[in-house]
Protein backbone atom coordinates (compact mmCIF):
# COMPACT_ATOMS: atom_id res chain seq x y z
CA UNK A 1 0.13 0.06 -0.04
CA UNK A 2 3.14 2.24 1.07
CA UNK A 3 4.15 1.71 -2.95
CA UNK A 4 1.10 2.72 -4.58
CA UNK A 5 1.24 5.69 -1.86
CA UNK A 6 -1.56 8.82 -1.49
CA UNK A 7 -3.13 9.68 -5.04
CA UNK A 8 -6.48 10.29 -6.86
CA UNK A 9 -7.80 7.22 -5.72
CA UNK A 10 -7.42 7.92 -1.85
CA UNK A 11 -8.99 11.34 -2.33
CA UNK A 12 -11.82 10.10 -4.11
CA UNK A 13 -12.35 7.76 -1.61
CA UNK A 14 -11.93 10.21 0.91
CA UNK A 15 -15.06 12.01 -0.77
CA UNK A 16 -17.08 9.07 -1.20
CA UNK A 17 -16.55 7.81 2.50
CA UNK A 18 -17.25 11.94 3.63
CA UNK A 19 -20.72 11.76 1.94
CA UNK A 20 -21.59 9.02 4.73
CA UNK A 21 -20.00 11.16 7.40
CA UNK A 22 -21.81 14.25 5.97
CA UNK A 23 -25.37 12.09 6.15
CA UNK A 24 -24.58 11.47 10.10
CA UNK A 25 -24.05 14.39 10.94
CA UNK A 26 -27.04 16.30 9.10
CA UNK A 27 -29.39 13.84 10.67
CA UNK A 28 -28.61 14.32 13.93
CA UNK A 29 -28.79 18.09 13.75
CA UNK A 30 -31.78 17.62 11.45
CA UNK A 31 -33.16 15.70 14.51
CA UNK A 32 -32.22 18.53 16.88
CA UNK A 33 -33.82 21.34 14.69
CA UNK A 34 -36.78 19.32 13.78
CA UNK A 35 -37.19 17.71 17.48
CA UNK A 36 -39.12 21.28 18.47
CA UNK A 37 -41.35 21.41 15.93
CA UNK A 38 -42.85 18.15 15.78
CA UNK A 39 -43.40 18.38 19.73
CA UNK A 40 -45.67 21.36 19.13
CA UNK A 41 -47.06 19.39 16.22
CA UNK A 42 -48.14 16.49 18.17
CA UNK A 43 -48.34 18.43 21.37
CA UNK A 44 -45.85 16.43 23.19
CA UNK A 45 -45.22 17.59 26.89
CA UNK A 46 -41.43 18.32 28.12
CA UNK A 47 -41.19 15.12 29.95
CA UNK A 48 -41.79 13.20 26.61
CA UNK A 49 -39.69 15.27 24.34
CA UNK A 50 -36.94 13.19 24.70
CA UNK A 51 -38.43 9.94 23.12
CA UNK A 52 -38.42 10.53 19.71
CA UNK A 53 -34.32 11.50 20.07
CA UNK A 54 -33.94 8.29 21.73
CA UNK A 55 -35.79 6.26 19.46
CA UNK A 56 -33.26 7.48 16.78
CA UNK A 57 -30.37 6.89 18.99
CA UNK A 58 -31.40 3.42 19.72
CA UNK A 59 -31.60 2.65 16.05
CA UNK A 60 -28.26 4.37 15.62
CA UNK A 61 -26.82 1.86 18.40
CA UNK A 62 -28.38 -0.97 17.07
CA UNK A 63 -26.94 -0.10 13.42
CA UNK A 64 -23.91 0.42 14.88
CA UNK A 65 -23.18 -2.86 16.09
CA UNK A 66 -24.84 -4.82 13.19
CA UNK A 67 -23.74 -2.71 10.20
CA UNK A 68 -20.03 -3.13 11.66
CA UNK A 69 -20.57 -6.96 12.29
CA UNK A 70 -22.05 -6.75 8.35
CA UNK A 71 -18.63 -5.31 7.66
CA UNK A 72 -16.39 -7.74 9.32
CA UNK A 73 -18.14 -10.97 8.11
CA UNK A 74 -20.04 -9.96 4.77
CA UNK A 75 -17.63 -7.08 3.57
CA UNK A 76 -17.26 -3.18 3.64
CA UNK A 77 -18.91 -2.40 0.34
CA UNK A 78 -22.42 -4.36 1.15
CA UNK A 79 -22.79 -2.11 4.55
CA UNK A 80 -21.09 0.89 3.22
CA UNK A 81 -24.40 1.55 0.54
CA UNK A 82 -26.76 -0.52 2.80
CA UNK A 83 -26.32 2.10 5.17
CA UNK A 84 -27.85 4.80 3.31
CA UNK A 85 -30.54 2.93 1.54
CA UNK A 86 -31.78 2.13 4.92
CA UNK A 87 -31.37 5.70 5.90
CA UNK A 88 -34.19 6.43 2.81
CA UNK A 89 -36.41 4.25 3.51
CA UNK A 90 -36.67 5.55 7.05
CA UNK A 91 -36.84 8.87 6.48
CA UNK A 92 -39.44 8.53 3.69
CA UNK A 93 -41.58 6.67 6.81
CA UNK A 94 -41.03 9.71 9.27
CA UNK A 95 -41.81 12.64 6.85
CA UNK A 96 -45.34 10.52 6.41
CA UNK A 97 -45.77 9.34 10.51
CA UNK A 98 -49.65 10.03 11.05
CA UNK A 99 -48.53 10.11 15.17
CA UNK A 100 -46.12 10.75 17.64
CA UNK A 101 -45.47 6.99 18.37
CA UNK A 102 -44.92 6.00 14.68
CA UNK A 103 -43.21 8.77 14.25
CA UNK A 104 -40.61 7.41 17.30
CA UNK A 105 -40.68 4.04 15.08
CA UNK A 106 -39.76 5.62 12.10
CA UNK A 107 -36.96 7.73 13.58
CA UNK A 108 -35.33 4.53 14.84
CA UNK A 109 -35.20 2.86 11.25
CA UNK A 110 -33.16 6.16 10.24
CA UNK A 111 -31.18 5.88 13.33
CA UNK A 112 -30.24 1.97 12.40
CA UNK A 113 -29.62 3.00 8.48
CA UNK A 114 -26.66 5.83 9.92
CA UNK A 115 -25.89 4.05 12.67
CA UNK A 116 -23.26 2.35 10.59
CA UNK A 117 -21.63 5.19 8.70
CA UNK A 118 -19.13 6.28 11.25
CA UNK A 119 -17.85 3.10 12.05
CA UNK A 120 -17.98 1.22 8.41
CA UNK A 121 -16.80 4.22 6.14
CA UNK A 122 -14.07 5.61 8.29
CA UNK A 123 -12.47 2.11 8.72
CA UNK A 124 -13.29 1.37 4.60
CA UNK A 125 -11.75 4.42 3.92
CA UNK A 126 -8.46 3.34 6.29
CA UNK A 127 -7.72 0.67 4.48
CA UNK A 128 -7.23 2.01 1.00
CA UNK A 129 -4.65 4.63 3.09
CA UNK A 130 -1.17 4.14 3.72
CA UNK A 131 -0.17 4.43 7.06
CA UNK A 132 2.01 7.47 6.84
CA UNK A 133 -0.97 9.49 5.41
CA UNK A 134 -3.40 7.73 8.20
CA UNK A 135 -3.72 11.41 9.69
CA UNK A 136 -6.30 11.91 6.57
CA UNK A 137 -8.99 10.40 7.83
CA UNK A 138 -9.42 12.88 10.23
CA UNK A 139 -10.58 15.08 7.09
CA UNK A 140 -13.83 13.07 7.57
CA UNK A 141 -14.57 15.37 10.14
CA UNK A 142 -15.11 18.39 7.82
CA UNK A 143 -17.69 16.11 6.21
CA UNK A 144 -19.23 16.06 9.19
CA UNK A 145 -19.41 19.39 9.86
CA UNK A 146 -20.91 20.30 6.55
CA UNK A 147 -23.37 18.16 7.39
CA UNK A 148 -24.29 20.29 10.29
CA UNK A 149 -24.43 23.37 8.08
CA UNK A 150 -26.42 21.58 5.28
CA UNK A 151 -28.93 20.51 7.96
CA UNK A 152 -29.05 24.03 9.53
CA UNK A 153 -29.75 25.50 5.84
CA UNK A 154 -32.11 23.82 4.77
CA UNK A 155 -34.43 24.11 8.16
CA UNK A 156 -33.62 27.82 7.54
CA UNK A 157 -34.93 27.71 4.16
CA UNK A 158 -37.61 24.97 4.54
CA UNK A 159 -38.53 24.42 8.15
CA UNK A 160 -38.75 28.16 9.27
CA UNK A 161 -41.72 29.03 6.82
CA UNK A 162 -43.60 26.23 7.89
CA UNK A 163 -43.49 26.80 11.82
CA UNK A 164 -45.53 29.12 13.74
CA UNK A 165 -43.29 32.00 14.83
CA UNK A 166 -42.38 32.61 18.27
CA UNK A 167 -45.10 34.68 20.01
CA UNK A 168 -43.98 37.70 22.20
CA UNK A 169 -44.34 37.55 25.98
CA UNK A 170 -46.86 39.70 28.05
CA UNK A 171 -47.94 39.91 31.41
CA UNK A 172 -51.11 38.48 33.19
CA UNK A 173 -53.55 40.76 35.20
CA UNK A 174 -51.60 39.30 38.53
CA UNK A 175 -48.55 40.30 36.99
CA UNK A 176 -45.31 38.12 35.18
CA UNK A 177 -45.99 34.58 34.93
CA UNK A 178 -43.68 32.56 37.94
CA UNK A 179 -40.59 31.72 36.83
CA UNK A 180 -37.26 30.43 37.75
CA UNK A 181 -34.58 32.83 37.29
CA UNK A 182 -31.18 31.33 36.38
CA UNK A 183 -27.85 33.03 36.01
CA UNK A 184 -27.09 33.33 32.22
CA UNK A 185 -30.05 30.94 31.02
CA UNK A 186 -32.89 33.23 31.76
CA UNK A 187 -36.13 32.06 32.87
CA UNK A 188 -37.53 29.09 32.73
CA UNK A 189 -41.62 28.41 33.39
CA UNK A 190 -42.34 26.36 36.70
CA UNK A 191 -43.01 22.54 35.74
CA UNK A 192 -46.71 22.49 35.27
CA UNK A 193 -47.23 25.96 34.19
CA UNK A 194 -48.70 26.04 30.51
CA UNK A 195 -45.84 26.74 28.38
CA UNK A 196 -48.28 29.30 25.93
CA UNK A 197 -50.29 30.89 28.66
CA UNK A 198 -48.36 33.85 28.78
CA UNK A 199 -47.43 34.03 25.23
CA UNK A 200 -49.22 36.85 23.25
CA UNK A 201 -50.83 35.32 19.93
CA UNK A 202 -50.82 31.78 20.91
CA UNK A 203 -54.46 31.80 19.20
CA UNK A 204 -52.82 32.96 15.80
CA UNK A 205 -51.11 29.79 14.92
CA UNK A 206 -51.88 26.50 15.39
CA UNK A 207 -48.58 24.12 15.71
CA UNK A 208 -50.87 21.17 15.23
CA UNK A 209 -51.40 22.03 11.54
CA UNK A 210 -47.78 23.23 10.73
CA UNK A 211 -46.34 20.53 8.64
CA UNK A 212 -42.88 22.42 8.17
CA UNK A 213 -41.17 19.28 9.72
CA UNK A 214 -42.28 16.68 7.99
CA UNK A 215 -40.81 19.29 5.01
CA UNK A 216 -37.76 19.05 6.29
CA UNK A 217 -37.49 15.45 6.75
CA UNK A 218 -38.55 15.18 3.14
CA UNK A 219 -35.43 17.61 2.20
CA UNK A 220 -32.89 15.22 4.41
CA UNK A 221 -34.25 12.36 2.55
CA UNK A 222 -33.77 13.71 -0.51
CA UNK A 223 -30.53 15.08 0.12
CA UNK A 224 -29.54 11.43 1.73
CA UNK A 225 -31.22 9.90 -2.22
CA UNK A 226 -28.30 12.10 -3.67
CA UNK A 227 -25.48 11.19 -1.78
CA UNK A 228 -26.64 7.05 -2.40
CA UNK A 229 -26.55 8.17 -5.79
CA UNK A 230 -23.05 10.00 -6.03
CA UNK A 231 -21.69 7.01 -4.39
CA UNK A 232 -23.10 4.31 -7.03
CA UNK A 233 -22.49 6.62 -10.12
CA UNK A 234 -19.43 8.46 -9.47
CA UNK A 235 -16.94 6.09 -9.01
CA UNK A 236 -16.44 2.40 -9.44
CA UNK A 237 -16.60 1.26 -5.71
CA UNK A 238 -14.29 -1.67 -4.74
CA UNK A 239 -14.29 -3.99 -1.74
CA UNK A 240 -11.34 -3.12 0.89
CA UNK A 241 -8.64 -5.24 -0.51
CA UNK A 242 -7.10 -5.94 3.40
CA UNK A 243 -10.60 -7.47 3.92
CA UNK A 244 -10.34 -9.75 0.80
CA UNK A 245 -6.85 -10.99 2.03
CA UNK A 246 -8.17 -11.65 5.33
CA UNK A 247 -10.88 -13.85 3.72
CA UNK A 248 -8.64 -15.62 1.55
CA UNK A 249 -9.40 -14.34 -1.41
CA UNK A 250 -5.83 -13.52 -3.20
CA UNK A 251 -6.74 -12.74 -6.44
CA UNK A 252 -9.25 -10.15 -6.05
CA UNK A 253 -7.54 -8.22 -3.90
CA UNK A 254 -4.78 -7.84 -6.44
CA UNK A 255 -7.33 -6.72 -8.53
CA UNK A 256 -7.87 -4.37 -6.33
CA UNK A 257 -4.55 -2.86 -5.94
CA UNK A 258 -3.74 -2.66 -9.68
CA UNK A 259 -7.11 -0.81 -9.84
CA UNK A 260 -5.83 1.42 -7.28
CA UNK A 261 -2.17 1.65 -8.75
CA UNK A 262 -3.69 2.40 -12.26
CA UNK A 263 -5.86 5.30 -10.94
CA UNK A 264 -2.79 7.16 -9.37
CA UNK A 265 -0.74 6.60 -11.77
CA UNK A 266 2.21 3.86 -10.67
CA UNK A 267 0.67 0.66 -12.26
CA UNK A 268 4.27 0.05 -13.68
CA UNK A 269 5.99 0.72 -10.31
CA UNK A 270 4.13 -2.10 -8.25
CA UNK A 271 3.41 -4.90 -10.06
CA UNK A 272 6.49 -6.89 -8.62
CA UNK A 273 5.32 -6.10 -4.84
CA UNK A 274 1.64 -6.99 -5.74
CA UNK A 275 2.47 -9.98 -7.55
CA UNK A 276 4.64 -10.80 -4.13
CA UNK A 277 1.18 -10.31 -2.33
CA UNK A 278 0.22 -13.23 0.09
CA UNK A 279 -3.06 -13.96 2.24
CA UNK A 280 -2.36 -14.06 5.69
CA UNK A 281 -2.67 -17.88 7.30
CA UNK A 282 -5.49 -16.99 9.36
CA UNK A 283 -7.66 -15.66 6.71
CA UNK A 284 -11.04 -17.99 6.75
CA UNK A 285 -12.84 -17.66 9.34
CA UNK A 286 -14.25 -20.59 11.80
CA UNK A 287 -17.44 -22.52 10.61
CA UNK A 288 -19.93 -24.29 13.47
CA UNK A 289 -19.34 -27.94 13.40
CA UNK A 290 -22.08 -29.99 12.08
CA UNK A 291 -24.83 -31.10 14.59
CA UNK A 292 -24.35 -27.93 16.67
CA UNK A 293 -27.09 -26.06 18.37
CA UNK A 294 -28.57 -22.99 16.50
CA UNK A 295 -27.08 -20.81 19.40
CA UNK A 296 -23.85 -21.98 19.03
CA UNK A 297 -23.68 -21.60 15.60
CA UNK A 298 -25.65 -17.80 15.91
CA UNK A 299 -22.32 -17.00 18.41
CA UNK A 300 -19.95 -18.14 16.09
CA UNK A 301 -21.63 -16.45 13.00
CA UNK A 302 -21.65 -13.19 15.09
CA UNK A 303 -19.03 -13.48 17.68
CA UNK A 304 -16.17 -16.04 16.11
CA UNK A 305 -13.41 -16.92 18.31
CA UNK A 306 -10.66 -14.68 16.28
CA UNK A 307 -12.88 -11.71 17.02
CA UNK A 308 -13.44 -12.05 20.88
CA UNK A 309 -9.14 -13.25 20.93
CA UNK A 310 -8.22 -9.86 18.70
CA UNK A 311 -10.31 -7.82 21.15
CA UNK A 312 -9.95 -9.09 24.69
CA UNK A 313 -6.81 -11.89 23.82
CA UNK A 314 -4.78 -10.07 25.80
CA UNK A 315 -4.94 -7.41 28.84
CA UNK A 316 -3.68 -4.15 27.21
CA UNK A 317 -5.59 -4.85 24.48
CA UNK A 318 -8.77 -5.49 26.39
CA UNK A 319 -8.05 -2.44 28.79
CA UNK A 320 -7.67 -0.10 25.61
CA UNK A 321 -11.21 -1.56 24.01
CA UNK A 322 -13.14 -0.95 27.08
CA UNK A 323 -11.60 2.25 27.39
CA UNK A 324 -12.44 3.36 24.27
CA UNK A 325 -15.74 2.26 24.63
CA UNK A 326 -16.31 4.25 27.82
CA UNK A 327 -15.08 7.23 25.84
CA UNK A 328 -17.30 6.66 23.14
CA UNK A 329 -20.18 6.43 25.55
CA UNK A 330 -19.83 9.31 27.63
CA UNK A 331 -18.65 11.65 24.77
CA UNK A 332 -21.19 10.77 22.47
CA UNK A 333 -23.95 11.42 25.68
CA UNK A 334 -21.96 14.92 26.28
CA UNK A 335 -22.43 16.01 22.77
CA UNK A 336 -25.79 14.90 22.35
CA UNK A 337 -26.87 16.46 25.47
CA UNK A 338 -26.38 20.04 24.10
CA UNK A 339 -26.29 19.48 20.23
CA UNK A 340 -29.95 17.64 20.34
CA UNK A 341 -31.46 20.76 22.88
CA UNK A 342 -29.34 22.88 21.48
CA UNK A 343 -32.17 25.28 19.54
CA UNK A 344 -34.42 24.52 22.57
CA UNK A 345 -31.82 26.15 25.01
CA UNK A 346 -31.35 29.55 22.33
CA UNK A 347 -35.14 29.72 22.13
CA UNK A 348 -35.64 30.06 25.93
CA UNK A 349 -32.94 31.37 27.82
CA UNK A 350 -32.91 35.10 28.00
CA UNK A 351 -30.06 37.01 26.57
CA UNK A 352 -29.08 40.57 26.77
CA UNK A 353 -32.15 42.56 28.67
CA UNK A 354 -34.22 39.25 28.47
CA UNK A 355 -34.94 39.13 24.92
CA UNK A 356 -35.63 35.93 22.99
CA UNK A 357 -34.19 35.31 19.89
CA UNK A 358 -36.66 34.14 17.14
CA UNK A 359 -37.31 30.81 15.68
CA UNK A 360 -35.44 32.39 12.49
CA UNK A 361 -32.36 33.63 14.69
CA UNK A 362 -32.12 30.56 16.11
CA UNK A 363 -31.81 28.61 13.25
CA UNK A 364 -29.00 31.14 12.02
CA UNK A 365 -27.41 30.77 15.57
CA UNK A 366 -27.14 27.08 14.98
CA UNK A 367 -25.87 27.16 11.58
CA UNK A 368 -23.00 29.72 13.10
CA UNK A 369 -22.56 26.86 15.53
CA UNK A 370 -22.16 24.32 12.59
CA UNK A 371 -19.77 26.14 10.73
CA UNK A 372 -17.59 26.62 13.67
CA UNK A 373 -16.95 22.81 13.67
CA UNK A 374 -15.14 22.88 10.14
CA UNK A 375 -11.74 23.57 11.32
CA UNK A 376 -12.25 20.77 13.96
CA UNK A 377 -10.67 18.09 11.45
CA UNK A 378 -7.55 20.57 10.74
CA UNK A 379 -6.65 20.98 14.20
CA UNK A 380 -7.25 17.73 15.05
CA UNK A 381 -4.87 16.85 11.85
CA UNK A 382 -2.22 19.08 13.19
CA UNK A 383 -2.44 17.74 16.83
CA UNK A 384 -1.76 14.35 15.83
CA UNK A 385 0.81 14.58 13.48
CA UNK A 386 2.82 17.24 14.55
CA UNK A 387 2.85 17.23 18.12
CA UNK A 388 4.52 15.15 20.53
CA UNK A 389 1.75 15.14 22.31
CA UNK A 390 0.17 11.67 20.90
CA UNK A 391 -3.45 10.69 20.89
CA UNK A 392 -3.89 10.67 24.47
CA UNK A 393 -2.92 14.10 24.85
CA UNK A 394 -4.48 15.39 22.00
CA UNK A 395 -8.25 13.79 23.72
CA UNK A 396 -7.73 15.28 26.69
CA UNK A 397 -6.87 18.64 25.34
CA UNK A 398 -9.66 18.95 22.92
CA UNK A 399 -12.07 17.43 26.03
CA UNK A 400 -11.15 19.56 28.78
CA UNK A 401 -11.27 22.60 26.40
CA UNK A 402 -14.97 21.54 25.22
CA UNK A 403 -16.03 20.95 29.02
CA UNK A 404 -14.42 24.57 29.88
CA UNK A 405 -16.51 26.08 27.06
CA UNK A 406 -19.61 24.56 27.78
CA UNK A 407 -19.32 25.78 31.52
CA UNK A 408 -18.48 29.21 30.12
CA UNK A 409 -21.70 28.85 27.87
CA UNK A 410 -23.88 28.30 30.94
CA UNK A 411 -22.72 31.59 32.36
CA UNK A 412 -23.36 34.16 29.84
CA UNK A 413 -26.00 36.50 29.20
CA UNK A 414 -24.12 38.28 26.00
CA UNK A 415 -25.58 36.74 22.97
CA UNK A 416 -22.35 37.07 20.89
CA UNK A 417 -20.37 35.19 23.81
CA UNK A 418 -22.98 32.08 23.94
CA UNK A 419 -22.77 31.65 20.46
CA UNK A 420 -19.14 31.75 20.60
CA UNK A 421 -18.68 29.70 23.42
CA UNK A 422 -21.46 26.94 21.63
CA UNK A 423 -19.03 27.74 18.24
CA UNK A 424 -15.71 26.51 20.18
CA UNK A 425 -17.57 23.45 21.67
CA UNK A 426 -18.73 22.65 18.49
CA UNK A 427 -15.26 22.80 16.94
CA UNK A 428 -13.20 20.76 19.88
CA UNK A 429 -15.82 18.30 19.33
CA UNK A 430 -15.60 17.70 15.88
CA UNK A 431 -12.11 16.99 16.56
CA UNK A 432 -12.36 14.76 19.07
CA UNK A 433 -14.80 12.58 16.58
CA UNK A 434 -12.50 12.83 13.72
CA UNK A 435 -9.33 11.97 16.23
CA UNK A 436 -11.06 8.83 17.66
CA UNK A 437 -12.03 7.83 13.89
CA UNK A 438 -8.03 7.56 13.38
CA UNK A 439 -7.39 5.91 16.89
CA UNK A 440 -9.63 3.43 16.55
CA UNK A 441 -8.70 2.42 13.02
CA UNK A 442 -4.58 2.41 14.15
CA UNK A 443 -5.24 0.35 17.36
CA UNK A 444 -7.66 -2.30 16.23
CA UNK A 445 -6.29 -5.46 13.93
CA UNK A 446 -8.13 -5.63 10.03
CA UNK A 447 -10.01 -8.63 10.94
CA UNK A 448 -11.73 -6.84 13.88
CA UNK A 449 -11.41 -3.35 12.95
CA UNK A 450 -15.09 -2.98 11.60
CA UNK A 451 -16.50 -4.47 14.95
CA UNK A 452 -14.27 -2.75 17.00
CA UNK A 453 -15.49 0.64 15.85
CA UNK A 454 -19.30 -0.32 15.28
CA UNK A 455 -19.37 -1.52 19.26
CA UNK A 456 -17.39 2.04 19.70
CA UNK A 457 -19.83 3.46 18.10
CA UNK A 458 -23.06 1.79 19.21
CA UNK A 459 -21.79 2.51 23.07
CA UNK A 460 -21.50 6.16 21.73
CA UNK A 461 -25.33 6.05 20.21
CA UNK A 462 -26.32 4.19 24.04
CA UNK A 463 -25.07 7.60 25.20
CA UNK A 464 -27.00 9.43 22.55
CA UNK A 465 -30.06 7.33 23.37
CA UNK A 466 -30.22 8.23 27.04
CA UNK A 467 -28.89 11.71 27.03
CA UNK A 468 -32.52 13.17 25.45
CA UNK A 469 -34.56 11.50 27.71
CA UNK A 470 -32.47 12.59 30.67
CA UNK A 471 -31.93 15.93 29.40
CA UNK A 472 -35.75 16.16 28.67
CA UNK A 473 -36.39 15.50 32.39
CA UNK A 474 -33.37 18.06 33.63
CA UNK A 475 -35.26 20.89 31.26
CA UNK A 476 -38.20 20.94 33.49
CA UNK A 477 -36.25 22.16 36.37
CA UNK A 478 -33.58 24.25 34.94
CA UNK A 479 -31.87 24.98 31.44
CA UNK A 480 -28.50 24.97 33.23
CA UNK A 481 -28.88 21.30 34.21
CA UNK A 482 -28.31 19.43 30.98
CA UNK A 483 -25.35 22.03 29.93
CA UNK A 484 -23.39 21.27 33.41
CA UNK A 485 -24.33 17.59 32.74
CA UNK A 486 -22.28 17.86 29.05
CA UNK A 487 -19.29 19.74 30.53
CA UNK A 488 -18.40 16.72 33.26
CA UNK A 489 -19.12 14.02 30.46
CA UNK A 490 -15.99 16.11 28.49
CA UNK A 491 -13.92 16.28 31.48
CA UNK A 492 -14.70 12.50 32.09
CA UNK A 493 -13.43 11.76 28.12
CA UNK A 494 -10.13 13.93 29.39
CA UNK A 495 -9.40 11.76 31.86
CA UNK A 496 -10.55 8.31 30.24
CA UNK A 497 -7.90 9.24 27.42
CA UNK A 498 -5.26 9.75 29.87
CA UNK A 499 -5.82 6.16 30.84
CA UNK A 500 -5.39 4.35 27.53
CA UNK A 501 -2.39 2.22 27.15
CA UNK A 502 -1.50 1.92 23.54
CA UNK A 503 -0.15 5.64 22.51
CA UNK A 504 -0.43 4.84 18.59
CA UNK A 505 1.69 8.45 17.54
CA UNK A 506 4.66 7.46 16.30
CA UNK A 507 6.43 11.22 17.10
CA UNK A 508 5.33 10.72 21.02
CA UNK A 509 7.51 9.37 23.76
CA UNK A 510 4.65 7.36 24.93
CA UNK A 511 4.23 5.30 21.72
CA UNK A 512 3.81 1.81 21.79
CA UNK A 513 3.26 -0.03 18.48
CA UNK A 514 -0.26 -1.65 18.33
CA UNK A 515 1.55 -4.75 16.88
CA UNK A 516 3.08 -5.33 20.56
CA UNK A 517 -0.30 -4.64 22.33
């Protein structure tokens, strides 16, 4: 692979894999933007507002594990295109859902579809890139941020015009409505107080008759369909040569390598190396013996012995696996805690003079927040490529910075200051995701890489699954609580990173080769 180098083929693969990350982020942000409007349409109370997001992340959790197993057992290519195909079906069902329970089911289907995008696409790209250029995987984070921005743009032009405008607050005859005044986070209605009783013009627009969120979901589905068409039509997708070799398909792997060399213009210089390519001796996966029970056959099919040994065969490797999964769980919990309810937080909190922003202003703020994540991949690439702090130090700096930014956000009344803090949080969170993508591809072997990444992503989805539910309950008491919880979560990510036993950055003084794990 090092002889073939990094060229046109790898850039095309970066774009194709990046489309999956774009769709993943677009739907995550889209759920956060559409959630308040769906809540209004179905007249769902605050205590149940997190059910749709939780079903979405439940689907993502199951999809992360399922697509990772498919990628390691049946090939990267099948999972690569299957994720977007199922997302399209789920998006259509969600846009047409007649009630909130069916919307939750459809949201889970969307989540299951895109659940494999991060682990499968990242592992797929890494297997076409030389080790010396592995840091390029962080550039997938650029597409992740573009997905955020794209979702915000669609919301501004489609969701906003078909949504009830923000009503203006008034005082009743008995004075202002009772509320809790939190420093820097405005006034929150008391639990049990009707949300619209203190709003002028509540009878002018009926949210249950507004279908902007359906048009919004339909637009996200159309974009997903365009991304899938781009994958199928713009470039002939090939199976990972590493996966083919691990399954004993030497000739097929050689054909892929020749195609890569041809696209990169080095076909005549790597013929000898390609012909000397050999399949590993442990290539073929084990099969269940004849007469085995269905339970044993299922275990061998899903988690064969080689996968279990690859993940937990050595103490240092097993510890790394557990810590990585914990980092994904806690990190995604923190990210989803503030990201899923960001539009709600921006709409409800008071800024300078106690003025709350309109929905249109909120969508613009979300776009600014999303755009701030674009440099995150470059920050991650710089830290992991040029610095001696290593992967562990990179994780810690980014995570603790995000924790501090969220804590500052909870204390500010200034609108500009709040947007700057939440934008900085998104930049650092995007860099963490990009660094995670590189570390997972470096520390795990090719025969278990997609499975390990899939389960790690599933752990993150579990964190994302419970975050909206917990945050929805906390929102009924104070807007500050979810933000504080997210800050603590990122603090823990930095601590877990320092405990990682394997450092994969060659320039770090703590470097330890994964092959010696």
